[in-house]
PDB file of all heavy atoms in Angstrom:
ATOM      1  N   PHE A   1      66.322 127.985 149.939  1.00  0.00           N
ATOM      2  CA  PHE A   1      66.783 128.242 151.315  1.00  0.00           C
ATOM      3  C   PHE A   1      66.444 129.684 151.685  1.00  0.00           C
ATOM      4  O   PHE A   1      66.707 130.645 150.896  1.00  0.00           O
ATOM      5  CB  PHE A   1      68.255 128.053 151.481  1.00  0.00           C
ATOM      6  CG  PHE A   1      68.810 128.542 152.792  1.00  0.00           C
ATOM      7  CD1 PHE A   1      68.528 127.859 153.930  1.00  0.00           C
ATOM      8  CD2 PHE A   1      69.554 129.685 152.901  1.00  0.00           C
ATOM      9  CE1 PHE A   1      68.998 128.277 155.180  1.00  0.00           C
ATOM     10  CE2 PHE A   1      69.956 130.152 154.099  1.00  0.00           C
ATOM     11  CZ  PHE A   1      69.682 129.451 155.297  1.00  0.00           C
ATOM     12  N   HIS A   2      65.750 129.877 152.843  1.00  0.00           N
ATOM     13  CA  HIS A   2      65.405 131.186 153.300  1.00  0.00           C
ATOM     14  C   HIS A   2      65.573 131.238 154.766  1.00  0.00           C
ATOM     15  O   HIS A   2      65.061 130.404 155.484  1.00  0.00           O
ATOM     16  CB  HIS A   2      63.981 131.565 152.870  1.00  0.00           C
ATOM     17  CG  HIS A   2      63.491 132.871 153.441  1.00  0.00           C
ATOM     18  ND1 HIS A   2      64.005 134.097 153.013  1.00  0.00           N
ATOM     19  CD2 HIS A   2      62.677 133.182 154.462  1.00  0.00           C
ATOM     20  CE1 HIS A   2      63.415 135.067 153.658  1.00  0.00           C
ATOM     21  NE2 HIS A   2      62.597 134.546 154.566  1.00  0.00           N
ATOM     22  N   MET A   3      66.360 132.198 155.262  1.00  0.00           N
ATOM     23  CA  MET A   3      66.590 132.330 156.669  1.00  0.00           C
ATOM     24  C   MET A   3      65.633 133.286 157.294  1.00  0.00           C
ATOM     25  O   MET A   3      65.524 134.473 156.853  1.00  0.00           O
ATOM     26  CB  MET A   3      68.037 132.824 156.906  1.00  0.00           C
ATOM     27  CG  MET A   3      68.361 133.001 158.430  1.00  0.00           C
ATOM     28  SD  MET A   3      70.118 133.416 158.562  1.00  0.00           S
ATOM     29  CE  MET A   3      70.104 133.763 160.390  1.00  0.00           C
ATOM     30  N   SER A   4      64.832 132.819 158.268  1.00  0.00           N
ATOM     31  CA  SER A   4      63.861 133.628 158.946  1.00  0.00           C
ATOM     32  C   SER A   4      64.548 134.730 159.750  1.00  0.00           C
ATOM     33  O   SER A   4      65.606 134.535 160.373  1.00  0.00           O
ATOM     34  CB  SER A   4      62.961 132.813 159.803  1.00  0.00           C
ATOM     35  OG  SER A   4      62.271 131.872 159.059  1.00  0.00           O
ATOM     36  N   PRO A   5      63.943 135.931 159.831  1.00  0.00           N
ATOM     37  CA  PRO A   5      64.565 136.986 160.699  1.00  0.00           C
ATOM     38  C   PRO A   5      64.470 136.572 162.110  1.00  0.00           C
ATOM     39  O   PRO A   5      63.548 135.867 162.610  1.00  0.00           O
ATOM     40  CB  PRO A   5      63.650 138.203 160.396  1.00  0.00           C
ATOM     41  CG  PRO A   5      62.339 137.652 159.908  1.00  0.00           C
ATOM     42  CD  PRO A   5      62.657 136.365 159.155  1.00  0.00           C
ATOM     43  N   ILE A   6      65.440 137.056 162.884  1.00  0.00           N
ATOM     44  CA  ILE A   6      65.515 136.724 164.320  1.00  0.00           C
ATOM     45  C   ILE A   6      64.636 137.688 165.152  1.00  0.00           C
ATOM     46  O   ILE A   6      64.703 138.890 164.854  1.00  0.00           O
ATOM     47  CB  ILE A   6      67.013 136.842 164.808  1.00  0.00           C
ATOM     48  CG1 ILE A   6      67.888 135.922 164.062  1.00  0.00           C
ATOM     49  CG2 ILE A   6      67.090 136.562 166.283  1.00  0.00           C
ATOM     50  CD1 ILE A   6      69.316 136.116 164.358  1.00  0.00           C
ATOM     51  N   GLU A   7      63.794 137.158 165.969  1.00  0.00           N
ATOM     52  CA  GLU A   7      62.952 137.980 166.788  1.00  0.00           C
ATOM     53  C   GLU A   7      63.450 138.024 168.172  1.00  0.00           C
ATOM     54  O   GLU A   7      63.891 137.018 168.699  1.00  0.00           O
ATOM     55  CB  GLU A   7      61.500 137.403 166.761  1.00  0.00           C
ATOM     56  CG  GLU A   7      60.852 137.386 165.394  1.00  0.00           C
ATOM     57  CD  GLU A   7      59.496 136.875 165.466  1.00  0.00           C
ATOM     58  OE1 GLU A   7      59.034 136.446 166.552  1.00  0.00           O
ATOM     59  OE2 GLU A   7      58.823 136.880 164.409  1.00  0.00           O
ATOM     60  N   PHE A   8      63.499 139.197 168.796  1.00  0.00           N
ATOM     61  CA  PHE A   8      64.002 139.379 170.130  1.00  0.00           C
ATOM     62  C   PHE A   8      62.955 139.839 171.049  1.00  0.00           C
ATOM     63  O   PHE A   8      62.174 140.777 170.797  1.00  0.00           O
ATOM     64  CB  PHE A   8      65.197 140.362 170.106  1.00  0.00           C
ATOM     65  CG  PHE A   8      66.317 139.985 169.234  1.00  0.00           C
ATOM     66  CD1 PHE A   8      66.546 140.567 168.051  1.00  0.00           C
ATOM     67  CD2 PHE A   8      67.168 138.949 169.560  1.00  0.00           C
ATOM     68  CE1 PHE A   8      67.549 140.253 167.227  1.00  0.00           C
ATOM     69  CE2 PHE A   8      68.230 138.505 168.779  1.00  0.00           C
ATOM     70  CZ  PHE A   8      68.385 139.208 167.607  1.00  0.00           C
ATOM     71  N   ASP A   9      62.847 139.196 172.225  1.00  0.00           N
ATOM     72  CA  ASP A   9      61.937 139.547 173.293  1.00  0.00           C
ATOM     73  C   ASP A   9      62.622 140.440 174.336  1.00  0.00           C
ATOM     74  O   ASP A   9      63.523 139.936 175.012  1.00  0.00           O
ATOM     75  CB  ASP A   9      61.339 138.315 173.936  1.00  0.00           C
ATOM     76  CG  ASP A   9      60.307 138.635 174.979  1.00  0.00           C
ATOM     77  OD1 ASP A   9      59.902 139.773 174.999  1.00  0.00           O
ATOM     78  OD2 ASP A   9      59.972 137.678 175.719  1.00  0.00           O
ATOM     79  N   SER A  10      62.145 141.622 174.513  1.00  0.00           N
ATOM     80  CA  SER A  10      62.855 142.552 175.420  1.00  0.00           C
ATOM     81  C   SER A  10      62.083 142.828 176.712  1.00  0.00           C
ATOM     82  O   SER A  10      62.343 143.714 177.431  1.00  0.00           O
ATOM     83  CB  SER A  10      63.117 143.918 174.714  1.00  0.00           C
ATOM     84  OG  SER A  10      61.909 144.507 174.343  1.00  0.00           O
ATOM     85  N   ASP A  11      60.991 141.983 176.968  1.00  0.00           N
ATOM     86  CA  ASP A  11      60.169 142.158 178.164  1.00  0.00           C
ATOM     87  C   ASP A  11      60.803 141.536 179.401  1.00  0.00           C
ATOM     88  O   ASP A  11      60.361 140.576 179.893  1.00  0.00           O
ATOM     89  CB  ASP A  11      58.771 141.587 177.943  1.00  0.00           C
ATOM     90  CG  ASP A  11      58.057 142.328 176.799  1.00  0.00           C
ATOM     91  OD1 ASP A  11      58.322 143.439 176.636  1.00  0.00           O
ATOM     92  OD2 ASP A  11      57.194 141.664 176.135  1.00  0.00           O
ATOM     93  N   LEU A  12      61.864 142.133 179.858  1.00  0.00           N
ATOM     94  CA  LEU A  12      62.543 141.698 181.061  1.00  0.00           C
ATOM     95  C   LEU A  12      61.893 142.390 182.252  1.00  0.00           C
ATOM     96  O   LEU A  12      61.529 143.499 182.246  1.00  0.00           O
ATOM     97  CB  LEU A  12      64.046 142.030 180.981  1.00  0.00           C
ATOM     98  CG  LEU A  12      64.844 141.275 179.966  1.00  0.00           C
ATOM     99  CD1 LEU A  12      66.273 141.864 179.937  1.00  0.00           C
ATOM    100  CD2 LEU A  12      64.916 139.803 180.254  1.00  0.00           C
ATOM    101  N   VAL A  13      61.761 141.576 183.354  1.00  0.00           N
ATOM    102  CA  VAL A  13      61.261 142.134 184.625  1.00  0.00           C
ATOM    103  C   VAL A  13      62.402 142.244 185.582  1.00  0.00           C
ATOM    104  O   VAL A  13      63.512 141.747 185.373  1.00  0.00           O
ATOM    105  CB  VAL A  13      60.126 141.230 185.164  1.00  0.00           C
ATOM    106  CG1 VAL A  13      58.950 141.226 184.199  1.00  0.00           C
ATOM    107  CG2 VAL A  13      60.621 139.819 185.389  1.00  0.00           C
ATOM    108  N   LEU A  14      62.164 142.939 186.697  1.00  0.00           N
ATOM    109  CA  LEU A  14      63.216 143.207 187.629  1.00  0.00           C
ATOM    110  C   LEU A  14      63.847 141.910 188.200  1.00  0.00           C
ATOM    111  O   LEU A  14      65.040 141.888 188.418  1.00  0.00           O
ATOM    112  CB  LEU A  14      62.615 144.062 188.788  1.00  0.00           C
ATOM    113  CG  LEU A  14      63.688 144.682 189.730  1.00  0.00           C
ATOM    114  CD1 LEU A  14      64.663 145.552 189.019  1.00  0.00           C
ATOM    115  CD2 LEU A  14      63.035 145.484 190.829  1.00  0.00           C
ATOM    116  N   GLN A  15      62.990 140.864 188.373  1.00  0.00           N
ATOM    117  CA  GLN A  15      63.467 139.602 188.939  1.00  0.00           C
ATOM    118  C   GLN A  15      64.513 139.001 187.954  1.00  0.00           C
ATOM    119  O   GLN A  15      65.406 138.253 188.423  1.00  0.00           O
ATOM    120  CB  GLN A  15      62.337 138.608 189.157  1.00  0.00           C
ATOM    121  CG  GLN A  15      61.350 139.115 190.206  1.00  0.00           C
ATOM    122  CD  GLN A  15      60.189 139.814 189.631  1.00  0.00           C
ATOM    123  OE1 GLN A  15      60.391 140.665 188.760  1.00  0.00           O
ATOM    124  NE2 GLN A  15      58.986 139.532 190.086  1.00  0.00           N
ATOM    125  N   ASP A  16      64.330 139.220 186.670  1.00  0.00           N
ATOM    126  CA  ASP A  16      65.316 138.619 185.706  1.00  0.00           C
ATOM    127  C   ASP A  16      66.669 139.285 185.815  1.00  0.00           C
ATOM    128  O   ASP A  16      67.679 138.675 185.529  1.00  0.00           O
ATOM    129  CB  ASP A  16      64.795 138.828 184.261  1.00  0.00           C
ATOM    130  CG  ASP A  16      63.482 138.061 184.046  1.00  0.00           C
ATOM    131  OD1 ASP A  16      63.276 137.053 184.709  1.00  0.00           O
ATOM    132  OD2 ASP A  16      62.661 138.550 183.213  1.00  0.00           O
ATOM    133  N   ILE A  17      66.693 140.551 186.201  1.00  0.00           N
ATOM    134  CA  ILE A  17      67.980 141.323 186.146  1.00  0.00           C
ATOM    135  C   ILE A  17      68.735 141.249 187.509  1.00  0.00           C
ATOM    136  O   ILE A  17      69.942 141.186 187.543  1.00  0.00           O
ATOM    137  CB  ILE A  17      67.621 142.798 185.823  1.00  0.00           C
ATOM    138  CG1 ILE A  17      67.022 142.854 184.431  1.00  0.00           C
ATOM    139  CG2 ILE A  17      68.887 143.651 185.952  1.00  0.00           C
ATOM    140  CD1 ILE A  17      66.521 144.237 184.087  1.00  0.00           C
ATOM    141  N   LEU A  18      67.948 141.200 188.606  1.00  0.00           N
ATOM    142  CA  LEU A  18      68.597 141.298 189.920  1.00  0.00           C
ATOM    143  C   LEU A  18      69.172 139.946 190.322  1.00  0.00           C
ATOM    144  O   LEU A  18      68.515 139.142 190.960  1.00  0.00           O
ATOM    145  CB  LEU A  18      67.588 141.797 190.973  1.00  0.00           C
ATOM    146  CG  LEU A  18      67.234 143.248 190.878  1.00  0.00           C
ATOM    147  CD1 LEU A  18      66.242 143.561 191.949  1.00  0.00           C
ATOM    148  CD2 LEU A  18      68.456 144.157 190.996  1.00  0.00           C
ATOM    149  N   SER A  19      70.443 139.740 189.989  1.00  0.00           N
ATOM    150  CA  SER A  19      71.175 138.516 190.459  1.00  0.00           C
ATOM    151  C   SER A  19      71.605 138.776 191.909  1.00  0.00           C
ATOM    152  O   SER A  19      71.545 139.913 192.425  1.00  0.00           O
ATOM    153  CB  SER A  19      72.353 138.241 189.558  1.00  0.00           C
ATOM    154  OG  SER A  19      73.253 139.377 189.659  1.00  0.00           O
ATOM    155  N   LYS A  20      72.036 137.697 192.594  1.00  0.00           N
ATOM    156  CA  LYS A  20      72.513 137.829 193.929  1.00  0.00           C
ATOM    157  C   LYS A  20      73.662 138.815 194.010  1.00  0.00           C
ATOM    158  O   LYS A  20      73.783 139.609 194.885  1.00  0.00           O
ATOM    159  CB  LYS A  20      72.980 136.476 194.480  1.00  0.00           C
ATOM    160  CG  LYS A  20      71.787 135.545 194.727  1.00  0.00           C
ATOM    161  CD  LYS A  20      72.242 134.190 195.344  1.00  0.00           C
ATOM    162  CE  LYS A  20      71.109 133.237 195.602  1.00  0.00           C
ATOM    163  NZ  LYS A  20      71.588 131.952 196.167  1.00  0.00           N
ATOM    164  N   ARG A  21      74.584 138.675 192.962  1.00  0.00           N
ATOM    165  CA  ARG A  21      75.713 139.603 192.888  1.00  0.00           C
ATOM    166  C   ARG A  21      75.318 141.025 192.796  1.00  0.00           C
ATOM    167  O   ARG A  21      75.755 141.950 193.576  1.00  0.00           O
ATOM    168  CB  ARG A  21      76.543 139.238 191.669  1.00  0.00           C
ATOM    169  CG  ARG A  21      77.725 140.252 191.465  1.00  0.00           C
ATOM    170  CD  ARG A  21      78.430 139.850 190.137  1.00  0.00           C
ATOM    171  NE  ARG A  21      77.488 139.833 189.016  1.00  0.00           N
ATOM    172  CZ  ARG A  21      77.056 140.917 188.412  1.00  0.00           C
ATOM    173  NH1 ARG A  21      77.498 142.113 188.794  1.00  0.00           N
ATOM    174  NH2 ARG A  21      76.250 140.772 187.377  1.00  0.00           N
ATOM    175  N   LEU A  22      74.342 141.362 191.954  1.00  0.00           N
ATOM    176  CA  LEU A  22      73.888 142.782 191.767  1.00  0.00           C
ATOM    177  C   LEU A  22      73.146 143.261 193.043  1.00  0.00           C
ATOM    178  O   LEU A  22      73.381 144.394 193.423  1.00  0.00           O
ATOM    179  CB  LEU A  22      72.986 142.849 190.573  1.00  0.00           C
ATOM    180  CG  LEU A  22      72.465 144.304 190.226  1.00  0.00           C
ATOM    181  CD1 LEU A  22      73.692 145.206 189.975  1.00  0.00           C
ATOM    182  CD2 LEU A  22      71.563 144.240 188.977  1.00  0.00           C
ATOM    183  N   MET A  23      72.312 142.443 193.688  1.00  0.00           N
ATOM    184  CA  MET A  23      71.580 142.831 194.861  1.00  0.00           C
ATOM    185  C   MET A  23      72.584 143.168 195.990  1.00  0.00           C
ATOM    186  O   MET A  23      72.431 144.087 196.738  1.00  0.00           O
ATOM    187  CB  MET A  23      70.616 141.775 195.280  1.00  0.00           C
ATOM    188  CG  MET A  23      69.395 141.758 194.399  1.00  0.00           C
ATOM    189  SD  MET A  23      68.006 140.747 195.117  1.00  0.00           S
ATOM    190  CE  MET A  23      68.723 139.110 194.957  1.00  0.00           C
ATOM    191  N   LEU A  24      73.652 142.339 196.074  1.00  0.00           N
ATOM    192  CA  LEU A  24      74.660 142.577 197.058  1.00  0.00           C
ATOM    193  C   LEU A  24      75.392 143.879 196.844  1.00  0.00           C
ATOM    194  O   LEU A  24      75.649 144.681 197.761  1.00  0.00           O
ATOM    195  CB  LEU A  24      75.646 141.430 197.106  1.00  0.00           C
ATOM    196  CG  LEU A  24      76.821 141.548 198.128  1.00  0.00           C
ATOM    197  CD1 LEU A  24      76.265 141.607 199.543  1.00  0.00           C
ATOM    198  CD2 LEU A  24      77.770 140.325 197.997  1.00  0.00           C
ATOM    199  N   GLN A  25      75.704 144.174 195.549  1.00  0.00           N
ATOM    200  CA  GLN A  25      76.377 145.449 195.193  1.00  0.00           C
ATOM    201  C   GLN A  25      75.461 146.631 195.496  1.00  0.00           C
ATOM    202  O   GLN A  25      75.940 147.669 196.068  1.00  0.00           O
ATOM    203  CB  GLN A  25      76.746 145.401 193.710  1.00  0.00           C
ATOM    204  CG  GLN A  25      77.897 144.480 193.362  1.00  0.00           C
ATOM    205  CD  GLN A  25      78.166 144.403 191.888  1.00  0.00           C
ATOM    206  OE1 GLN A  25      77.329 144.843 191.055  1.00  0.00           O
ATOM    207  NE2 GLN A  25      79.297 143.844 191.504  1.00  0.00           N
ATOM    208  N   ILE A  26      74.155 146.478 195.211  1.00  0.00           N
ATOM    209  CA  ILE A  26      73.233 147.613 195.467  1.00  0.00           C
ATOM    210  C   ILE A  26      73.130 147.887 196.984  1.00  0.00           C
ATOM    211  O   ILE A  26      73.203 149.018 197.453  1.00  0.00           O
ATOM    212  CB  ILE A  26      71.863 147.243 194.882  1.00  0.00           C
ATOM    213  CG1 ILE A  26      71.909 147.319 193.322  1.00  0.00           C
ATOM    214  CG2 ILE A  26      70.756 148.258 195.397  1.00  0.00           C
ATOM    215  CD1 ILE A  26      70.642 146.869 192.657  1.00  0.00           C
ATOM    216  N   GLU A  27      73.069 146.796 197.763  1.00  0.00           N
ATOM    217  CA  GLU A  27      72.980 146.965 199.204  1.00  0.00           C
ATOM    218  C   GLU A  27      74.282 147.607 199.774  1.00  0.00           C
ATOM    219  O   GLU A  27      74.183 148.450 200.661  1.00  0.00           O
ATOM    220  CB  GLU A  27      72.757 145.586 199.888  1.00  0.00           C
ATOM    221  CG  GLU A  27      72.597 145.665 201.358  1.00  0.00           C
ATOM    222  CD  GLU A  27      72.161 144.359 201.950  1.00  0.00           C
ATOM    223  OE1 GLU A  27      71.617 143.490 201.264  1.00  0.00           O
ATOM    224  OE2 GLU A  27      72.447 144.155 203.181  1.00  0.00           O
ATOM    225  N   GLN A  28      75.443 147.224 199.251  1.00  0.00           N
ATOM    226  CA  GLN A  28      76.677 147.823 199.705  1.00  0.00           C
ATOM    227  C   GLN A  28      76.738 149.287 199.345  1.00  0.00           C
ATOM    228  O   GLN A  28      77.180 150.104 200.200  1.00  0.00           O
ATOM    229  CB  GLN A  28      77.863 147.121 199.023  1.00  0.00           C
ATOM    230  CG  GLN A  28      78.036 145.681 199.534  1.00  0.00           C
ATOM    231  CD  GLN A  28      79.137 144.897 198.806  1.00  0.00           C
ATOM    232  OE1 GLN A  28      79.519 145.308 197.708  1.00  0.00           O
ATOM    233  NE2 GLN A  28      79.636 143.803 199.345  1.00  0.00           N
ATOM    234  N   VAL A  29      76.262 149.651 198.167  1.00  0.00           N
ATOM    235  CA  VAL A  29      76.304 151.078 197.732  1.00  0.00           C
ATOM    236  C   VAL A  29      75.375 151.928 198.690  1.00  0.00           C
ATOM    237  O   VAL A  29      75.739 152.923 199.210  1.00  0.00           O
ATOM    238  CB  VAL A  29      75.778 151.215 196.300  1.00  0.00           C
ATOM    239  CG1 VAL A  29      75.467 152.671 195.985  1.00  0.00           C
ATOM    240  CG2 VAL A  29      76.825 150.690 195.353  1.00  0.00           C
ATOM    241  N   ILE A  30      74.148 151.357 198.977  1.00  0.00           N
ATOM    242  CA  ILE A  30      73.216 152.044 199.798  1.00  0.00           C
ATOM    243  C   ILE A  30      73.750 152.253 201.213  1.00  0.00           C
ATOM    244  O   ILE A  30      73.704 153.338 201.807  1.00  0.00           O
ATOM    245  CB  ILE A  30      71.862 151.327 199.817  1.00  0.00           C
ATOM    246  CG1 ILE A  30      71.227 151.454 198.420  1.00  0.00           C
ATOM    247  CG2 ILE A  30      70.887 151.970 200.851  1.00  0.00           C
ATOM    248  CD1 ILE A  30      69.951 150.599 198.286  1.00  0.00           C
ATOM    249  N   LYS A  31      74.313 151.120 201.794  1.00  0.00           N
ATOM    250  CA  LYS A  31      74.841 151.247 203.156  1.00  0.00           C
ATOM    251  C   LYS A  31      76.081 152.098 203.270  1.00  0.00           C
ATOM    252  O   LYS A  31      76.360 152.652 204.325  1.00  0.00           O
ATOM    253  CB  LYS A  31      75.081 149.814 203.649  1.00  0.00           C
ATOM    254  CG  LYS A  31      73.800 149.042 203.895  1.00  0.00           C
ATOM    255  CD  LYS A  31      74.053 147.718 204.625  1.00  0.00           C
ATOM    256  CE  LYS A  31      72.739 146.995 204.902  1.00  0.00           C
ATOM    257  NZ  LYS A  31      72.933 145.738 205.629  1.00  0.00           N
ATOM    258  N   GLN A  32      76.817 152.274 202.191  1.00  0.00           N
ATOM    259  CA  GLN A  32      77.983 153.073 202.216  1.00  0.00           C
ATOM    260  C   GLN A  32      77.573 154.566 202.447  1.00  0.00           C
ATOM    261  O   GLN A  32      78.362 155.398 202.880  1.00  0.00           O
ATOM    262  CB  GLN A  32      78.791 152.963 200.942  1.00  0.00           C
ATOM    263  CG  GLN A  32      79.668 151.734 200.870  1.00  0.00           C
ATOM    264  CD  GLN A  32      80.450 151.555 199.611  1.00  0.00           C
ATOM    265  OE1 GLN A  32      80.210 152.300 198.685  1.00  0.00           O
ATOM    266  NE2 GLN A  32      81.268 150.571 199.562  1.00  0.00           N
ATOM    267  N   PHE A  33      76.343 154.905 202.047  1.00  0.00           N
ATOM    268  CA  PHE A  33      75.834 156.237 202.167  1.00  0.00           C
ATOM    269  C   PHE A  33      75.088 156.401 203.540  1.00  0.00           C
ATOM    270  O   PHE A  33      74.390 157.382 203.777  1.00  0.00           O
ATOM    271  CB  PHE A  33      74.887 156.637 201.046  1.00  0.00           C
ATOM    272  CG  PHE A  33      75.629 156.987 199.800  1.00  0.00           C
ATOM    273  CD1 PHE A  33      75.819 155.940 198.824  1.00  0.00           C
ATOM    274  CD2 PHE A  33      76.115 158.205 199.540  1.00  0.00           C
ATOM    275  CE1 PHE A  33      76.507 156.243 197.639  1.00  0.00           C
ATOM    276  CE2 PHE A  33      76.788 158.511 198.356  1.00  0.00           C
ATOM    277  CZ  PHE A  33      76.919 157.524 197.413  1.00  0.00           C
ATOM    278  N   GLY A  34      75.249 155.397 204.435  1.00  0.00           N
ATOM    279  CA  GLY A  34      74.675 155.502 205.800  1.00  0.00           C
ATOM    280  C   GLY A  34      73.220 155.162 205.877  1.00  0.00           C
ATOM    281  O   GLY A  34      72.585 155.418 206.874  1.00  0.00           O
ATOM    282  N   ILE A  35      72.652 154.549 204.840  1.00  0.00           N
ATOM    283  CA  ILE A  35      71.238 154.201 204.885  1.00  0.00           C
ATOM    284  C   ILE A  35      71.135 152.742 205.197  1.00  0.00           C
ATOM    285  O   ILE A  35      71.646 151.906 204.438  1.00  0.00           O
ATOM    286  CB  ILE A  35      70.561 154.563 203.523  1.00  0.00           C
ATOM    287  CG1 ILE A  35      70.566 156.047 203.347  1.00  0.00           C
ATOM    288  CG2 ILE A  35      69.105 154.033 203.552  1.00  0.00           C
ATOM    289  CD1 ILE A  35      69.985 156.476 201.989  1.00  0.00           C
ATOM    290  N   GLU A  36      70.452 152.324 206.247  1.00  0.00           N
ATOM    291  CA  GLU A  36      70.387 150.942 206.681  1.00  0.00           C
ATOM    292  C   GLU A  36      69.150 150.262 206.151  1.00  0.00           C
ATOM    293  O   GLU A  36      69.184 149.045 205.907  1.00  0.00           O
ATOM    294  CB  GLU A  36      70.380 150.904 208.204  1.00  0.00           C
ATOM    295  CG  GLU A  36      71.616 151.356 208.864  1.00  0.00           C
ATOM    296  CD  GLU A  36      72.817 150.449 208.476  1.00  0.00           C
ATOM    297  OE1 GLU A  36      72.597 149.275 208.222  1.00  0.00           O
ATOM    298  OE2 GLU A  36      74.007 150.947 208.437  1.00  0.00           O
ATOM    299  N   GLN A  37      68.051 150.981 205.858  1.00  0.00           N
ATOM    300  CA  GLN A  37      66.820 150.362 205.472  1.00  0.00           C
ATOM    301  C   GLN A  37      66.458 150.921 204.064  1.00  0.00           C
ATOM    302  O   GLN A  37      66.407 152.127 203.904  1.00  0.00           O
ATOM    303  CB  GLN A  37      65.708 150.586 206.453  1.00  0.00           C
ATOM    304  CG  GLN A  37      65.952 149.795 207.797  1.00  0.00           C
ATOM    305  CD  GLN A  37      64.712 149.861 208.647  1.00  0.00           C
ATOM    306  OE1 GLN A  37      64.040 150.928 208.690  1.00  0.00           O
ATOM    307  NE2 GLN A  37      64.392 148.774 209.345  1.00  0.00           N
ATOM    308  N   TYR A  38      66.070 149.974 203.237  1.00  0.00           N
ATOM    309  CA  TYR A  38      65.560 150.316 201.876  1.00  0.00           C
ATOM    310  C   TYR A  38      64.669 149.213 201.436  1.00  0.00           C
ATOM    311  O   TYR A  38      64.618 148.165 202.084  1.00  0.00           O
ATOM    312  CB  TYR A  38      66.754 150.571 200.912  1.00  0.00           C
ATOM    313  CG  TYR A  38      67.424 149.324 200.516  1.00  0.00           C
ATOM    314  CD1 TYR A  38      67.131 148.619 199.299  1.00  0.00           C
ATOM    315  CD2 TYR A  38      68.362 148.711 201.364  1.00  0.00           C
ATOM    316  CE1 TYR A  38      67.712 147.439 198.999  1.00  0.00           C
ATOM    317  CE2 TYR A  38      68.962 147.479 201.090  1.00  0.00           C
ATOM    318  CZ  TYR A  38      68.688 146.887 199.854  1.00  0.00           C
ATOM    319  OH  TYR A  38      69.293 145.746 199.477  1.00  0.00           O
ATOM    320  N   LEU A  39      64.074 149.358 200.274  1.00  0.00           N
ATOM    321  CA  LEU A  39      63.260 148.262 199.736  1.00  0.00           C
ATOM    322  C   LEU A  39      63.228 148.302 198.210  1.00  0.00           C
ATOM    323  O   LEU A  39      63.054 149.450 197.624  1.00  0.00           O
ATOM    324  CB  LEU A  39      61.779 148.420 200.285  1.00  0.00           C
ATOM    325  CG  LEU A  39      60.908 147.228 200.047  1.00  0.00           C
ATOM    326  CD1 LEU A  39      61.390 145.962 200.762  1.00  0.00           C
ATOM    327  CD2 LEU A  39      59.436 147.533 200.472  1.00  0.00           C
ATOM    328  N   LEU A  40      63.487 147.185 197.600  1.00  0.00           N
ATOM    329  CA  LEU A  40      63.257 147.035 196.112  1.00  0.00           C
ATOM    330  C   LEU A  40      62.037 146.282 195.882  1.00  0.00           C
ATOM    331  O   LEU A  40      61.870 145.144 196.392  1.00  0.00           O
ATOM    332  CB  LEU A  40      64.516 146.276 195.545  1.00  0.00           C
ATOM    333  CG  LEU A  40      65.713 147.104 195.181  1.00  0.00           C
ATOM    334  CD1 LEU A  40      66.852 146.162 194.809  1.00  0.00           C
ATOM    335  CD2 LEU A  40      65.443 148.057 194.041  1.00  0.00           C
ATOM    336  N   ILE A  41      61.104 146.851 195.124  1.00  0.00           N
ATOM    337  CA  ILE A  41      59.842 146.131 194.828  1.00  0.00           C
ATOM    338  C   ILE A  41      59.634 146.129 193.302  1.00  0.00           C
ATOM    339  O   ILE A  41      60.174 146.877 192.561  1.00  0.00           O
ATOM    340  CB  ILE A  41      58.681 146.862 195.494  1.00  0.00           C
ATOM    341  CG1 ILE A  41      58.589 148.313 195.059  1.00  0.00           C
ATOM    342  CG2 ILE A  41      58.845 146.784 196.987  1.00  0.00           C
ATOM    343  CD1 ILE A  41      57.362 149.038 195.606  1.00  0.00           C
ATOM    344  N   THR A  42      58.751 145.197 192.922  1.00  0.00           N
ATOM    345  CA  THR A  42      58.395 145.006 191.492  1.00  0.00           C
ATOM    346  C   THR A  42      57.273 145.973 191.172  1.00  0.00           C
ATOM    347  O   THR A  42      56.742 146.711 192.004  1.00  0.00           O
ATOM    348  CB  THR A  42      57.950 143.612 191.160  1.00  0.00           C
ATOM    349  OG1 THR A  42      56.778 143.334 191.826  1.00  0.00           O
ATOM    350  CG2 THR A  42      59.006 142.639 191.616  1.00  0.00           C
TER     351      THR A  42
END
């Protein structure tokens, strides 16, 4: 019996991270500072 080492893939892109909840929180933070227009791009 031999257990293979676990390999981890860390190549996450912005689309993987930005959930609806997080995008809503980011928009709320930006608008709280009086900024109405912004853009998140890959």
